[in-house]
Amino acid sequence: MNFYTWKIDRQINASDMSVSVGYDVEDTTSSSCGCCPAPWCPTRAESCSSNVDCECLWMTVTGDASTTTSRTTTTTTTTIPRITTTVSAQRINTITYSQNFTVSGTPSDQCTAWEVFRAQLIAQPYTLMTMKGTNNAVGITLTNATVVAAIAQALRTNTTYGPVSLDLYSWAVGVCGSGYEVTSTGSICACNTGYTIRPCIGNWNWGAIDGYTCSASSQTMTLIFQY
């Protein structure tokens, strides 16, 4: 009988105990070997009447006064560190004006709502302003915080502001009729094409969203300040 042995040994010492782990392969050439002796086990399903390789995983544990040899299964455990992700949510606040306007109609309730809206625009860390409505549901958004805050202050305090050109638009606040308007056209109390809201003008030229701002078709106009 010939033995060919490959050993992958690992020695672990923990105080007075040592563990040896190995791997052996036995090549049996005798046709009358019976079968692999314990704890050997065949690597193939053939009977031992032909050449069979027998293999065994063995482990010897030496302690204070005992030695044990046995077949063993090695299990590797991998510990993955726990990863904790903290996401901070920032609260978003909005102040919104949104009213329906009728073609050839003089706004009344819409003007009252506008005055209430303007009074709410106290100093806040504003981040953006959006004008949108029926004609353009996405609308246009101003993201320059300094200009947004200035427009809010002008509307609340009944003062003029602008025009300030940003992002292809010219932003301005000014008086028109009996109240103040906000526009992206750069011209106050004028008939032109763009985004203008002036609910207190006292006639049917109350502005428009993405359209001609005088004698406009019926639509909803919305102005949002976010902080």
Protein backbone atom coordinates (compact mmCIF):
# COMPACT_ATOMS: atom_id res chain seq x y z
CA MET A 1 0.00 0.00 0.00
CA ASN A 2 1.34 3.40 -0.97
CA PHE A 3 0.41 6.63 0.78
CA TYR A 4 0.42 10.04 -0.82
CA THR A 5 -0.23 12.70 1.72
CA TRP A 6 -0.99 16.40 1.24
CA LYS A 7 -1.35 18.31 4.46
CA ILE A 8 -2.82 21.74 4.97
CA ASP A 9 -1.93 22.28 8.61
CA ARG A 10 -2.99 25.04 10.93
CA GLN A 11 -1.68 25.23 14.46
CA ILE A 12 -3.75 27.18 16.96
CA ASN A 13 -2.44 27.65 20.48
CA ALA A 14 -4.78 28.83 23.20
CA SER A 15 -3.28 28.61 26.69
CA ASP A 16 -2.58 24.88 27.27
CA MET A 17 -4.48 23.49 24.27
CA SER A 18 -3.25 22.97 20.69
CA VAL A 19 -5.28 21.99 17.62
CA SER A 20 -3.82 20.41 14.48
CA VAL A 21 -5.86 20.15 11.30
CA GLY A 22 -4.81 18.14 8.26
CA TYR A 23 -5.90 16.53 5.01
CA ASP A 24 -4.60 13.12 3.83
CA VAL A 25 -5.16 11.08 0.68
CA GLU A 26 -4.50 7.32 0.59
CA ASP A 27 -4.00 5.50 -2.72
CA THR A 28 -4.95 1.81 -2.37
CA THR A 29 -3.74 -0.54 -5.07
CA SER A 30 -4.76 -3.83 -3.49
CA SER A 31 -7.90 -5.35 -4.99
CA SER A 32 -8.67 -7.08 -1.71
CA CYS A 33 -8.49 -3.99 0.46
CA GLY A 34 -12.18 -4.28 1.30
CA CYS A 35 -12.88 -0.59 1.53
CA CYS A 36 -11.25 2.46 2.97
CA PRO A 37 -10.53 1.98 6.66
CA ALA A 38 -12.23 4.27 9.11
CA PRO A 39 -12.01 7.21 9.24
CA TRP A 40 -11.05 7.10 5.55
CA CYS A 41 -13.83 7.56 3.02
CA PRO A 42 -13.81 6.99 -0.76
CA THR A 43 -13.50 10.01 -3.01
CA ARG A 44 -15.35 8.17 -5.77
CA ALA A 45 -18.31 5.83 -5.77
CA GLU A 46 -16.46 2.80 -7.20
CA SER A 47 -16.08 -0.30 -5.07
CA CYS A 48 -12.71 -1.03 -3.60
CA SER A 49 -12.12 -3.80 -6.14
CA SER A 50 -10.36 -1.23 -8.29
CA ASN A 51 -7.95 1.54 -7.51
CA VAL A 52 -9.61 3.89 -5.08
CA ASP A 53 -8.40 7.07 -3.51
CA CYS A 54 -9.34 7.32 0.12
CA GLU A 55 -9.37 10.67 1.84
CA CYS A 56 -9.91 11.97 5.31
CA LEU A 57 -10.03 15.21 7.14
CA TRP A 58 -8.53 14.71 10.56
CA MET A 59 -8.14 16.82 13.63
CA THR A 60 -6.07 16.17 16.73
CA VAL A 61 -6.82 18.13 19.87
CA THR A 62 -4.30 17.95 22.69
CA GLY A 63 -5.39 19.13 26.12
CA ASP A 64 -4.24 18.58 29.66
CA ALA A 65 -4.25 14.79 29.59
CA SER A 66 -6.25 13.65 26.59
CA THR A 67 -5.78 13.28 22.84
CA THR A 68 -8.74 12.88 20.51
CA THR A 69 -8.62 12.08 16.79
CA SER A 70 -11.83 12.32 14.80
CA ARG A 71 -13.33 13.23 11.44
CA THR A 72 -14.38 16.81 11.41
CA THR A 73 -16.16 19.42 9.33
CA THR A 74 -14.57 22.84 9.27
CA THR A 75 -16.93 25.82 9.33
CA THR A 76 -15.75 29.33 8.59
CA THR A 77 -17.77 32.20 10.01
CA THR A 78 -17.34 35.69 8.58
CA THR A 79 -18.49 38.60 10.67
CA ILE A 80 -19.62 41.61 8.64
CA PRO A 81 -19.39 44.88 10.55
CA ARG A 82 -22.70 46.59 11.09
CA ILE A 83 -23.01 49.79 9.11
CA THR A 84 -25.28 52.48 10.44
CA THR A 85 -26.40 55.26 8.13
CA THR A 86 -28.01 58.34 9.56
CA VAL A 87 -30.15 60.44 7.24
CA SER A 88 -31.22 63.85 8.39
CA ALA A 89 -34.52 65.03 6.98
CA GLN A 90 -34.99 68.74 6.51
CA ARG A 91 -38.46 70.11 6.94
CA ILE A 92 -39.79 72.02 3.93
CA ASN A 93 -42.28 74.83 4.47
CA THR A 94 -44.26 76.65 1.80
CA ILE A 95 -46.43 79.76 1.59
CA THR A 96 -48.79 79.42 -1.36
CA TYR A 97 -51.16 81.63 -3.30
CA SER A 98 -53.40 79.81 -5.79
CA GLN A 99 -56.61 81.21 -7.28
CA ASN A 100 -58.86 80.68 -10.29
CA PHE A 101 -59.30 83.62 -12.65
CA THR A 102 -62.06 84.03 -15.24
CA VAL A 103 -61.66 85.60 -18.67
CA SER A 104 -63.04 89.18 -18.80
CA GLY A 105 -63.75 89.00 -15.07
CA THR A 106 -62.61 91.50 -12.44
CA PRO A 107 -61.00 89.66 -9.50
CA SER A 108 -62.51 90.24 -6.05
CA ASP A 109 -62.03 87.21 -3.84
CA GLN A 110 -58.75 86.64 -5.64
CA CYS A 111 -57.57 90.11 -4.58
CA THR A 112 -58.56 89.49 -0.97
CA ALA A 113 -56.65 86.21 -0.96
CA TRP A 114 -53.64 88.01 -2.47
CA GLU A 115 -53.58 90.54 0.37
CA VAL A 116 -53.71 87.74 2.96
CA PHE A 117 -50.93 85.91 1.13
CA ARG A 118 -48.65 88.96 0.97
CA ALA A 119 -49.01 89.55 4.72
CA GLN A 120 -47.71 86.03 5.38
CA LEU A 121 -44.38 86.67 3.65
CA ILE A 122 -42.44 87.52 6.80
CA ALA A 123 -38.66 87.14 6.86
CA GLN A 124 -37.74 83.48 6.42
CA PRO A 125 -34.72 81.58 5.01
CA TYR A 126 -36.42 81.33 1.62
CA THR A 127 -34.81 78.94 -0.86
CA LEU A 128 -36.98 79.21 -3.96
CA MET A 129 -40.05 80.78 -5.57
CA THR A 130 -42.24 79.11 -8.20
CA MET A 131 -44.84 80.61 -10.55
CA LYS A 132 -47.09 78.09 -12.29
CA GLY A 133 -50.68 77.43 -13.27
CA THR A 134 -53.09 75.98 -15.78
CA ASN A 135 -51.07 77.08 -18.82
CA ASN A 136 -47.86 75.56 -17.45
CA ALA A 137 -48.10 73.07 -14.58
CA VAL A 138 -44.33 73.05 -14.07
CA GLY A 139 -43.90 76.78 -14.41
CA ILE A 140 -40.69 78.64 -13.63
CA THR A 141 -38.64 78.54 -10.44
CA LEU A 142 -36.27 81.13 -9.02
CA THR A 143 -33.59 79.53 -6.82
CA ASN A 144 -31.46 82.56 -5.94
CA ALA A 145 -32.20 82.82 -2.21
CA THR A 146 -31.23 86.49 -2.02
CA VAL A 147 -33.59 87.53 -4.80
CA VAL A 148 -36.39 85.30 -3.50
CA ALA A 149 -36.14 86.94 -0.07
CA ALA A 150 -36.12 90.41 -1.65
CA ILE A 151 -39.27 89.67 -3.67
CA ALA A 152 -41.04 88.34 -0.58
CA GLN A 153 -40.11 91.44 1.41
CA ALA A 154 -41.20 93.79 -1.38
CA LEU A 155 -44.58 92.09 -1.69
CA ARG A 156 -45.16 92.16 2.07
CA THR A 157 -44.04 95.76 2.64
CA ASN A 158 -45.63 97.31 -0.48
CA THR A 159 -42.35 98.41 -2.03
CA THR A 160 -40.94 98.18 -5.52
CA TYR A 161 -38.12 95.82 -6.42
CA GLY A 162 -36.15 95.14 -9.57
CA PRO A 163 -36.07 94.37 -12.30
CA VAL A 164 -33.33 91.78 -11.64
CA SER A 165 -32.35 89.52 -14.53
CA LEU A 166 -31.72 85.89 -13.62
CA ASP A 167 -32.16 82.61 -15.51
CA LEU A 168 -33.58 84.22 -18.68
CA TYR A 169 -36.21 86.14 -16.70
CA SER A 170 -36.42 89.69 -15.34
CA TRP A 171 -37.96 89.66 -11.87
CA ALA A 172 -39.78 92.69 -10.51
CA VAL A 173 -42.35 93.80 -7.94
CA GLY A 174 -44.39 97.00 -8.26
CA VAL A 175 -47.76 98.64 -7.86
CA CYS A 176 -50.52 98.11 -10.44
CA GLY A 177 -54.05 99.30 -9.83
CA SER A 178 -54.86 99.14 -6.13
CA GLY A 179 -52.28 96.49 -5.30
CA TYR A 180 -48.87 95.06 -6.03
CA GLU A 181 -47.89 92.60 -8.71
CA VAL A 182 -44.99 90.22 -9.25
CA THR A 183 -43.69 89.54 -12.73
CA SER A 184 -40.96 87.73 -14.62
CA THR A 185 -41.20 90.11 -17.59
CA GLY A 186 -39.33 93.05 -16.08
CA SER A 187 -42.21 95.46 -16.78
CA ILE A 188 -44.74 96.50 -14.14
CA CYS A 189 -48.41 97.00 -15.07
CA ALA A 190 -47.75 96.23 -18.74
CA CYS A 191 -49.36 93.98 -21.32
CA ASN A 192 -46.77 91.47 -22.49
CA THR A 193 -46.13 87.73 -22.62
CA GLY A 194 -44.74 85.83 -19.66
CA TYR A 195 -45.54 85.21 -16.02
CA THR A 196 -47.37 87.96 -14.11
CA ILE A 197 -49.76 87.91 -11.15
CA ARG A 198 -51.67 91.11 -10.31
CA PRO A 199 -55.03 90.18 -8.74
CA CYS A 200 -55.79 93.68 -7.39
CA ILE A 201 -55.59 95.59 -10.69
CA GLY A 202 -59.36 96.22 -10.62
CA ASN A 203 -60.10 94.98 -14.16
CA TRP A 204 -59.68 91.90 -16.37
CA ASN A 205 -55.95 92.39 -17.03
CA TRP A 206 -54.99 90.37 -13.93
CA GLY A 207 -51.99 88.71 -15.56
CA ALA A 208 -51.26 85.23 -16.86
CA ILE A 209 -49.06 82.19 -16.50
CA ASP A 210 -46.91 81.59 -19.57
CA GLY A 211 -49.14 83.72 -21.78
CA TYR A 212 -50.30 87.21 -22.69
CA THR A 213 -50.90 89.09 -19.43
CA CYS A 214 -53.87 91.22 -20.52
CA SER A 215 -57.37 89.86 -21.25
CA ALA A 216 -56.03 86.37 -20.61
CA SER A 217 -58.10 83.21 -20.87
CA SER A 218 -59.55 81.60 -17.74
CA GLN A 219 -56.86 79.88 -15.70
CA THR A 220 -55.43 79.07 -12.30
CA MET A 221 -52.39 81.08 -11.18
CA THR A 222 -50.14 79.88 -8.38
CA LEU A 223 -47.21 81.51 -6.56
CA ILE A 224 -45.18 79.49 -4.03
CA PHE A 225 -42.43 80.56 -1.65
CA GLN A 226 -40.44 77.74 -0.08
CA TYR A 227 -38.15 77.79 2.96
